[in-house]
N, C-alpha and C. Protein backbone atom coordinates (compact mmCIF):
# COMPACT_ATOMS: atom_id res chain seq x y z
N MET A 1 -83.58 217.93 155.08
CA MET A 1 -84.16 219.17 154.66
C MET A 1 -83.39 220.32 155.32
N MET A 2 -83.01 221.27 154.52
CA MET A 2 -82.28 222.42 155.04
C MET A 2 -83.26 223.49 155.50
N ARG A 3 -83.06 223.98 156.70
CA ARG A 3 -83.93 225.04 157.23
C ARG A 3 -83.22 226.38 157.09
N ARG A 4 -83.98 227.38 156.74
CA ARG A 4 -83.44 228.73 156.65
C ARG A 4 -83.34 229.35 158.02
N SER A 5 -82.37 230.18 158.18
CA SER A 5 -82.28 230.93 159.43
C SER A 5 -83.37 232.01 159.41
N PRO A 6 -83.79 232.47 160.57
CA PRO A 6 -84.84 233.52 160.61
C PRO A 6 -84.47 234.75 159.80
N ALA A 7 -83.20 235.10 159.73
CA ALA A 7 -82.79 236.29 158.99
C ALA A 7 -82.97 236.12 157.49
N SER A 8 -82.97 234.88 156.99
CA SER A 8 -83.08 234.68 155.54
C SER A 8 -84.51 234.39 155.10
N ARG A 9 -85.44 234.29 156.01
CA ARG A 9 -86.83 234.03 155.63
C ARG A 9 -87.44 235.26 155.00
N ARG A 10 -88.29 235.01 154.05
CA ARG A 10 -88.99 236.09 153.36
C ARG A 10 -90.48 235.80 153.45
N SER A 11 -91.25 236.84 153.63
CA SER A 11 -92.70 236.67 153.62
C SER A 11 -93.28 237.54 152.54
N GLY A 12 -94.19 236.96 151.82
CA GLY A 12 -94.85 237.69 150.75
C GLY A 12 -96.31 237.87 151.04
N SER A 13 -96.92 238.65 150.21
CA SER A 13 -98.34 238.93 150.34
C SER A 13 -98.93 238.95 148.94
N ALA A 14 -100.19 238.61 148.84
CA ALA A 14 -100.90 238.66 147.56
C ALA A 14 -102.01 239.68 147.66
N ARG A 15 -102.36 240.27 146.54
CA ARG A 15 -103.40 241.30 146.55
C ARG A 15 -104.11 241.36 145.21
N ARG A 16 -105.44 241.53 145.28
CA ARG A 16 -106.22 241.76 144.06
C ARG A 16 -105.96 243.18 143.59
N PRO A 17 -105.94 243.40 142.28
CA PRO A 17 -105.74 244.77 141.77
C PRO A 17 -107.07 245.53 141.76
N ASP A 18 -107.63 245.76 142.94
CA ASP A 18 -108.90 246.47 143.03
C ASP A 18 -108.68 247.84 143.66
N SER A 19 -109.75 248.53 143.96
CA SER A 19 -109.64 249.91 144.45
C SER A 19 -109.42 250.03 145.95
N ARG A 20 -109.44 248.92 146.66
CA ARG A 20 -109.23 249.00 148.10
C ARG A 20 -107.76 249.26 148.43
N ALA A 21 -107.56 250.02 149.50
CA ALA A 21 -106.20 250.33 149.94
C ALA A 21 -105.51 249.08 150.46
N LEU A 22 -104.22 249.04 150.29
CA LEU A 22 -103.41 247.93 150.77
C LEU A 22 -103.29 248.02 152.28
N PRO A 23 -103.71 246.99 153.02
CA PRO A 23 -103.62 247.04 154.48
C PRO A 23 -102.17 247.14 154.95
N GLU A 24 -101.98 247.73 156.10
CA GLU A 24 -100.64 247.91 156.66
C GLU A 24 -99.90 246.58 156.82
N TRP A 25 -100.60 245.54 157.26
CA TRP A 25 -99.91 244.27 157.49
C TRP A 25 -99.38 243.69 156.19
N LYS A 26 -100.01 244.01 155.04
CA LYS A 26 -99.47 243.54 153.76
C LYS A 26 -98.28 244.41 153.33
N ARG A 27 -98.29 245.66 153.73
CA ARG A 27 -97.17 246.55 153.43
C ARG A 27 -95.90 246.11 154.17
N ALA A 28 -96.04 245.33 155.23
CA ALA A 28 -94.90 244.87 156.01
C ALA A 28 -94.24 243.63 155.41
N ALA A 29 -94.81 243.10 154.35
CA ALA A 29 -94.23 241.92 153.70
C ALA A 29 -92.93 242.30 152.99
N ASP A 30 -92.17 241.28 152.59
CA ASP A 30 -90.93 241.52 151.85
C ASP A 30 -91.20 241.75 150.36
N PHE A 31 -92.35 241.31 149.87
CA PHE A 31 -92.73 241.50 148.47
C PHE A 31 -94.24 241.28 148.36
N ILE A 32 -94.79 241.73 147.23
CA ILE A 32 -96.22 241.57 146.97
C ILE A 32 -96.42 240.97 145.58
N PHE A 33 -97.28 239.97 145.50
CA PHE A 33 -97.75 239.46 144.22
C PHE A 33 -99.15 240.03 143.99
N VAL A 34 -99.33 240.74 142.90
CA VAL A 34 -100.66 241.23 142.55
C VAL A 34 -101.33 240.14 141.73
N GLN A 35 -102.57 239.83 142.09
CA GLN A 35 -103.30 238.73 141.45
C GLN A 35 -103.36 238.91 139.94
N VAL A 36 -103.47 237.79 139.26
CA VAL A 36 -103.57 237.78 137.81
C VAL A 36 -104.70 238.68 137.35
N THR A 37 -104.40 239.49 136.36
CA THR A 37 -105.42 240.27 135.67
C THR A 37 -104.99 240.37 134.21
N PHE A 38 -105.96 240.55 133.35
CA PHE A 38 -105.66 240.67 131.93
C PHE A 38 -105.69 242.14 131.50
N SER A 39 -105.74 243.05 132.47
CA SER A 39 -105.84 244.48 132.20
C SER A 39 -104.62 245.21 132.76
N LEU A 40 -103.78 245.71 131.87
CA LEU A 40 -102.65 246.52 132.31
C LEU A 40 -103.16 247.79 133.00
N GLU A 41 -104.24 248.35 132.50
CA GLU A 41 -104.79 249.57 133.09
C GLU A 41 -105.17 249.34 134.56
N ALA A 42 -105.80 248.21 134.86
CA ALA A 42 -106.16 247.89 136.25
C ALA A 42 -104.91 247.76 137.11
N LEU A 43 -103.88 247.12 136.58
CA LEU A 43 -102.63 246.99 137.32
C LEU A 43 -102.00 248.35 137.61
N LEU A 44 -101.98 249.22 136.61
CA LEU A 44 -101.37 250.53 136.79
C LEU A 44 -102.17 251.40 137.75
N ARG A 45 -103.49 251.33 137.69
CA ARG A 45 -104.32 252.07 138.66
C ARG A 45 -104.02 251.59 140.07
N TRP A 46 -103.95 250.25 140.24
CA TRP A 46 -103.66 249.70 141.57
C TRP A 46 -102.29 250.16 142.05
N ARG A 47 -101.32 250.11 141.16
CA ARG A 47 -99.95 250.47 141.54
C ARG A 47 -99.87 251.94 141.94
N ASP A 48 -100.53 252.81 141.19
CA ASP A 48 -100.54 254.24 141.52
C ASP A 48 -101.20 254.49 142.88
N ALA A 49 -102.22 253.71 143.20
CA ALA A 49 -102.96 253.90 144.45
C ALA A 49 -102.26 253.26 145.64
N ASN A 50 -101.26 252.43 145.39
CA ASN A 50 -100.60 251.68 146.47
C ASN A 50 -99.08 251.77 146.37
N PRO A 51 -98.53 252.95 146.60
CA PRO A 51 -97.06 253.04 146.57
C PRO A 51 -96.46 252.31 147.77
N VAL A 52 -95.49 251.47 147.50
CA VAL A 52 -94.78 250.74 148.55
C VAL A 52 -93.30 250.71 148.20
N ASP A 53 -92.48 250.47 149.21
CA ASP A 53 -91.03 250.42 149.01
C ASP A 53 -90.51 248.98 149.03
N ILE A 54 -91.34 248.06 148.60
CA ILE A 54 -90.94 246.65 148.50
C ILE A 54 -91.22 246.19 147.08
N PRO A 55 -90.58 245.13 146.64
CA PRO A 55 -90.84 244.65 145.28
C PRO A 55 -92.30 244.22 145.10
N VAL A 56 -92.84 244.58 143.93
CA VAL A 56 -94.22 244.23 143.58
C VAL A 56 -94.18 243.52 142.22
N TYR A 57 -94.79 242.34 142.18
CA TYR A 57 -94.80 241.51 140.98
C TYR A 57 -96.24 241.35 140.49
N ALA A 58 -96.46 241.63 139.22
CA ALA A 58 -97.79 241.53 138.63
C ALA A 58 -98.05 240.11 138.16
N GLY A 59 -99.25 239.61 138.43
CA GLY A 59 -99.62 238.27 138.02
C GLY A 59 -100.02 238.21 136.55
N VAL A 60 -99.44 237.27 135.83
CA VAL A 60 -99.75 237.05 134.42
C VAL A 60 -99.99 235.56 134.23
N MET A 61 -101.10 235.22 133.58
CA MET A 61 -101.43 233.81 133.36
C MET A 61 -101.66 233.53 131.88
N VAL A 62 -101.17 232.40 131.44
CA VAL A 62 -101.44 231.92 130.09
C VAL A 62 -102.78 231.18 130.10
N LEU A 63 -103.65 231.55 129.19
CA LEU A 63 -104.88 230.78 129.01
C LEU A 63 -104.57 229.67 128.02
N ALA A 64 -104.54 228.44 128.52
CA ALA A 64 -104.09 227.31 127.71
C ALA A 64 -105.12 226.84 126.70
N SER A 65 -106.40 227.13 126.95
CA SER A 65 -107.45 226.68 126.05
C SER A 65 -108.72 227.48 126.33
N GLU A 66 -109.68 227.34 125.45
CA GLU A 66 -110.97 228.00 125.67
C GLU A 66 -111.62 227.49 126.95
N GLY A 67 -111.57 226.19 127.17
CA GLY A 67 -112.15 225.61 128.39
C GLY A 67 -111.49 226.15 129.64
N HIS A 68 -110.18 226.26 129.61
CA HIS A 68 -109.44 226.82 130.74
C HIS A 68 -109.89 228.26 131.00
N ALA A 69 -110.01 229.04 129.96
CA ALA A 69 -110.43 230.44 130.10
C ALA A 69 -111.82 230.53 130.71
N ARG A 70 -112.74 229.71 130.23
CA ARG A 70 -114.12 229.75 130.74
C ARG A 70 -114.19 229.27 132.20
N ARG A 71 -113.44 228.22 132.53
CA ARG A 71 -113.42 227.73 133.92
C ARG A 71 -112.82 228.78 134.87
N LEU A 72 -111.76 229.42 134.44
CA LEU A 72 -111.13 230.46 135.25
C LEU A 72 -112.10 231.61 135.50
N ALA A 73 -112.77 232.05 134.45
CA ALA A 73 -113.72 233.15 134.58
C ALA A 73 -114.88 232.77 135.50
N ALA A 74 -115.33 231.53 135.43
CA ALA A 74 -116.46 231.08 136.25
C ALA A 74 -116.07 230.83 137.71
N ALA A 75 -114.86 230.34 137.91
CA ALA A 75 -114.45 229.94 139.26
C ALA A 75 -113.92 231.10 140.10
N ILE A 76 -113.35 232.11 139.45
CA ILE A 76 -112.73 233.20 140.19
C ILE A 76 -113.34 234.52 139.70
N PRO A 77 -114.38 234.97 140.36
CA PRO A 77 -115.08 236.16 139.87
C PRO A 77 -114.24 237.43 139.88
N ASP A 78 -113.17 237.47 140.67
CA ASP A 78 -112.33 238.66 140.71
C ASP A 78 -111.41 238.78 139.50
N ILE A 79 -111.33 237.73 138.69
CA ILE A 79 -110.51 237.78 137.49
C ILE A 79 -111.43 237.96 136.30
N ASP A 80 -111.30 239.10 135.65
CA ASP A 80 -112.11 239.42 134.48
C ASP A 80 -111.37 238.96 133.24
N VAL A 81 -111.87 237.88 132.64
CA VAL A 81 -111.27 237.37 131.41
C VAL A 81 -112.04 237.98 130.24
N PRO A 82 -111.40 238.83 129.46
CA PRO A 82 -112.11 239.48 128.35
C PRO A 82 -112.67 238.45 127.37
N SER A 83 -113.90 238.66 126.95
CA SER A 83 -114.53 237.71 126.02
C SER A 83 -113.76 237.64 124.71
N SER A 84 -113.16 238.75 124.29
CA SER A 84 -112.36 238.73 123.05
C SER A 84 -111.17 237.79 123.19
N LEU A 85 -110.58 237.72 124.37
CA LEU A 85 -109.45 236.82 124.60
C LEU A 85 -109.93 235.37 124.58
N VAL A 86 -111.07 235.09 125.18
CA VAL A 86 -111.63 233.74 125.14
C VAL A 86 -111.88 233.33 123.70
N GLU A 87 -112.44 234.22 122.91
CA GLU A 87 -112.71 233.93 121.49
C GLU A 87 -111.41 233.69 120.73
N ASN A 88 -110.39 234.49 121.01
CA ASN A 88 -109.10 234.31 120.34
C ASN A 88 -108.48 232.96 120.68
N VAL A 89 -108.56 232.56 121.95
CA VAL A 89 -108.01 231.27 122.38
C VAL A 89 -108.80 230.12 121.74
N ALA A 90 -110.10 230.30 121.60
CA ALA A 90 -110.93 229.27 120.96
C ALA A 90 -110.53 229.08 119.49
N ALA A 91 -110.16 230.17 118.83
CA ALA A 91 -109.83 230.12 117.41
C ALA A 91 -108.38 229.72 117.14
N ASP A 92 -107.49 229.99 118.11
CA ASP A 92 -106.06 229.75 117.89
C ASP A 92 -105.42 229.30 119.20
N SER A 93 -104.85 228.13 119.21
CA SER A 93 -104.28 227.58 120.44
C SER A 93 -103.07 228.37 120.95
N GLU A 94 -102.48 229.20 120.10
CA GLU A 94 -101.33 230.02 120.52
C GLU A 94 -101.76 231.38 121.08
N ALA A 95 -103.02 231.72 121.00
CA ALA A 95 -103.48 233.05 121.41
C ALA A 95 -103.25 233.31 122.89
N GLY A 96 -103.36 232.30 123.72
CA GLY A 96 -103.12 232.49 125.15
C GLY A 96 -101.66 232.81 125.44
N VAL A 97 -100.76 232.14 124.72
CA VAL A 97 -99.32 232.43 124.86
C VAL A 97 -99.03 233.83 124.34
N ASP A 98 -99.63 234.18 123.19
CA ASP A 98 -99.43 235.51 122.61
C ASP A 98 -99.87 236.59 123.60
N ALA A 99 -101.05 236.42 124.17
CA ALA A 99 -101.60 237.43 125.09
C ALA A 99 -100.75 237.56 126.35
N ALA A 100 -100.33 236.45 126.91
CA ALA A 100 -99.51 236.49 128.14
C ALA A 100 -98.17 237.16 127.87
N CYS A 101 -97.53 236.81 126.77
CA CYS A 101 -96.24 237.42 126.46
C CYS A 101 -96.39 238.91 126.19
N ALA A 102 -97.45 239.30 125.51
CA ALA A 102 -97.70 240.72 125.27
C ALA A 102 -97.93 241.45 126.59
N GLN A 103 -98.65 240.81 127.52
CA GLN A 103 -98.90 241.42 128.83
C GLN A 103 -97.58 241.58 129.59
N VAL A 104 -96.73 240.57 129.56
CA VAL A 104 -95.42 240.66 130.23
C VAL A 104 -94.63 241.83 129.65
N LEU A 105 -94.62 241.96 128.35
CA LEU A 105 -93.89 243.04 127.69
C LEU A 105 -94.46 244.40 128.09
N ARG A 106 -95.77 244.56 128.11
CA ARG A 106 -96.39 245.83 128.51
C ARG A 106 -96.07 246.17 129.96
N ILE A 107 -96.11 245.17 130.83
CA ILE A 107 -95.76 245.40 132.24
C ILE A 107 -94.31 245.83 132.35
N HIS A 108 -93.44 245.14 131.65
CA HIS A 108 -92.01 245.48 131.65
C HIS A 108 -91.81 246.92 131.18
N GLU A 109 -92.44 247.28 130.07
CA GLU A 109 -92.28 248.62 129.50
C GLU A 109 -92.87 249.70 130.41
N SER A 110 -93.87 249.36 131.21
CA SER A 110 -94.49 250.36 132.09
C SER A 110 -93.53 250.82 133.18
N GLY A 111 -92.61 249.95 133.58
CA GLY A 111 -91.68 250.28 134.65
C GLY A 111 -92.32 250.36 136.03
N ALA A 112 -93.58 250.01 136.14
CA ALA A 112 -94.32 250.16 137.40
C ALA A 112 -94.15 248.97 138.34
N PHE A 113 -93.60 247.87 137.84
CA PHE A 113 -93.47 246.66 138.64
C PHE A 113 -92.04 246.15 138.60
N ASP A 114 -91.71 245.36 139.61
CA ASP A 114 -90.37 244.80 139.70
C ASP A 114 -90.22 243.54 138.87
N GLY A 115 -91.31 243.05 138.35
CA GLY A 115 -91.32 241.85 137.53
C GLY A 115 -92.71 241.27 137.51
N VAL A 116 -92.80 240.04 137.06
CA VAL A 116 -94.10 239.37 136.99
C VAL A 116 -94.03 238.04 137.72
N HIS A 117 -95.18 237.62 138.17
CA HIS A 117 -95.37 236.26 138.67
C HIS A 117 -96.11 235.56 137.56
N LEU A 118 -95.38 234.79 136.78
CA LEU A 118 -95.91 234.16 135.58
C LEU A 118 -96.48 232.79 135.90
N VAL A 119 -97.71 232.56 135.47
CA VAL A 119 -98.36 231.27 135.62
C VAL A 119 -98.55 230.73 134.20
N PRO A 120 -97.60 229.93 133.71
CA PRO A 120 -97.65 229.49 132.32
C PRO A 120 -98.57 228.30 132.07
N VAL A 121 -99.16 227.76 133.12
CA VAL A 121 -100.02 226.58 133.05
C VAL A 121 -99.22 225.47 132.37
N SER A 122 -99.66 224.95 131.27
CA SER A 122 -98.94 223.86 130.61
C SER A 122 -98.11 224.36 129.43
N ARG A 123 -97.98 225.67 129.29
CA ARG A 123 -97.34 226.24 128.11
C ARG A 123 -95.98 226.88 128.42
N TYR A 124 -95.28 226.38 129.44
CA TYR A 124 -94.05 227.03 129.89
C TYR A 124 -92.97 227.09 128.82
N ARG A 125 -92.82 226.07 128.01
CA ARG A 125 -91.76 226.08 126.99
C ARG A 125 -92.01 227.14 125.93
N GLU A 126 -93.26 227.21 125.47
CA GLU A 126 -93.59 228.21 124.45
C GLU A 126 -93.41 229.63 125.01
N VAL A 127 -93.85 229.83 126.24
CA VAL A 127 -93.74 231.16 126.86
C VAL A 127 -92.27 231.52 127.04
N ALA A 128 -91.48 230.62 127.57
CA ALA A 128 -90.06 230.90 127.80
C ALA A 128 -89.34 231.24 126.50
N ALA A 129 -89.57 230.46 125.46
CA ALA A 129 -88.91 230.71 124.18
C ALA A 129 -89.33 232.06 123.61
N ARG A 130 -90.60 232.35 123.68
CA ARG A 130 -91.08 233.62 123.13
C ARG A 130 -90.55 234.81 123.93
N LEU A 131 -90.57 234.71 125.25
CA LEU A 131 -90.08 235.82 126.07
C LEU A 131 -88.58 236.05 125.88
N GLU A 132 -87.82 234.98 125.68
CA GLU A 132 -86.39 235.15 125.43
C GLU A 132 -86.15 235.97 124.16
N ARG A 133 -86.99 235.76 123.17
CA ARG A 133 -86.85 236.52 121.92
C ARG A 133 -87.32 237.96 122.09
N MET A 134 -88.30 238.19 122.95
CA MET A 134 -88.90 239.51 123.10
C MET A 134 -88.13 240.45 124.02
N LEU A 135 -87.56 239.90 125.07
CA LEU A 135 -86.94 240.77 126.09
C LEU A 135 -85.44 240.83 125.95
């Protein structure tokens, strides 16, 4: 196993896109991952309220199925899964991929983030192919 030298180590931090200020110790990280949210508006409000000089990556998750969406909403109360998105995923198995790719594109177009932390679940091939065509 190859070990990194102390100079090459990077430390990251994660943060919910809520109204609380970013603590100083998280500002000292090399990068920040903002927790998955399905609301670009929430991400942009958080970003405006938390200016930092380190890379910030917005969390984007593919909802692979209706069951996945409902379990996620029930298990993690800080993630608001819109009921319309759950209904769309229930009606069309591609709706979760569509929504995630659209969110990535909106985040990219906003210019407010350095990129995304994409959680494709089991749909990585579909997401990768679609994003290659979109970006």
